[in-house]
Amino acid sequence: MRYPIFETERLQLRELTLDDTEEVLRHFSDPLVVEFMDIEVCKSREEAAEIISFHLHDAGTECF
């Protein structure tokens, strides 16, 4: 199942892809973002790609 893309003038909601690795790394490497989450700070592009792959597989979507 593919998720629809919702887009407004200032916002786009869409499914993550491995192309989003840099953005995921930037987001989850911030200690303030993960402070109240049950995860460690993301330290590498590989960890960010693993986060994306986990959620893609969890949603039943192939990441390749």
Protein backbone atom coordinates (compact mmCIF):
# COMPACT_ATOMS: atom_id res chain seq x y z
CA MET A 1 0.00 0.00 0.00
CA ARG A 2 1.36 3.41 -0.93
CA TYR A 3 0.48 6.34 1.26
CA PRO A 4 -0.95 9.42 -0.42
CA ILE A 5 0.99 12.66 -0.43
CA PHE A 6 -0.70 15.60 1.25
CA GLU A 7 0.67 18.97 0.33
CA THR A 8 -0.11 22.53 1.31
CA GLU A 9 1.70 25.77 0.60
CA ARG A 10 4.04 25.21 3.57
CA LEU A 11 3.90 21.49 4.30
CA GLN A 12 4.27 18.14 2.59
CA LEU A 13 3.32 14.89 4.34
CA ARG A 14 4.61 11.79 2.63
CA GLU A 15 6.11 8.41 3.32
CA LEU A 16 9.78 8.38 4.32
CA THR A 17 12.30 6.92 1.91
CA LEU A 18 16.01 6.19 2.19
CA ASP A 19 16.51 9.49 0.35
CA ASP A 20 15.52 11.13 3.66
CA THR A 21 18.51 9.69 5.55
CA GLU A 22 20.27 13.05 6.06
CA GLU A 23 17.11 14.68 7.44
CA VAL A 24 16.41 11.75 9.77
CA LEU A 25 20.01 11.87 11.00
CA ARG A 26 19.81 15.61 11.63
CA HIS A 27 16.51 15.21 13.51
CA PHE A 28 17.37 12.20 15.70
CA SER A 29 20.93 13.32 16.44
CA ASP A 30 19.54 16.22 18.47
CA PRO A 31 19.51 15.24 22.17
CA LEU A 32 16.50 17.48 22.78
CA VAL A 33 14.46 15.55 20.20
CA VAL A 34 15.12 12.13 21.76
CA GLU A 35 15.14 13.29 25.38
CA PHE A 36 11.77 11.72 26.25
CA MET A 37 11.91 8.90 23.72
CA ASP A 38 13.12 5.39 24.46
CA ILE A 39 15.97 5.66 21.90
CA GLU A 40 19.58 6.77 21.82
CA VAL A 41 20.83 9.76 19.85
CA CYS A 42 21.43 8.78 16.23
CA LYS A 43 25.16 8.90 15.48
CA SER A 44 25.56 7.94 11.81
CA ARG A 45 23.92 7.82 8.39
CA GLU A 46 23.76 4.04 8.76
CA GLU A 47 21.71 4.33 11.97
CA ALA A 48 19.40 6.84 10.29
CA ALA A 49 18.91 4.46 7.34
CA GLU A 50 18.11 1.66 9.81
CA ILE A 51 15.44 3.83 11.43
CA ILE A 52 13.83 4.47 8.05
CA SER A 53 14.08 0.80 7.00
CA PHE A 54 12.55 -0.35 10.28
CA HIS A 55 9.52 1.89 9.80
CA LEU A 56 9.14 0.99 6.14
CA HIS A 57 9.15 -2.73 6.97
CA ASP A 58 6.88 -2.16 9.97
CA ALA A 59 4.38 -0.46 7.65
CA GLY A 60 4.55 -3.39 5.23
CA THR A 61 6.41 -1.36 2.61
CA GLU A 62 9.57 -2.54 0.89
CA CYS A 63 12.47 -0.10 1.10
CA PHE A 64 14.34 -1.26 -2.00
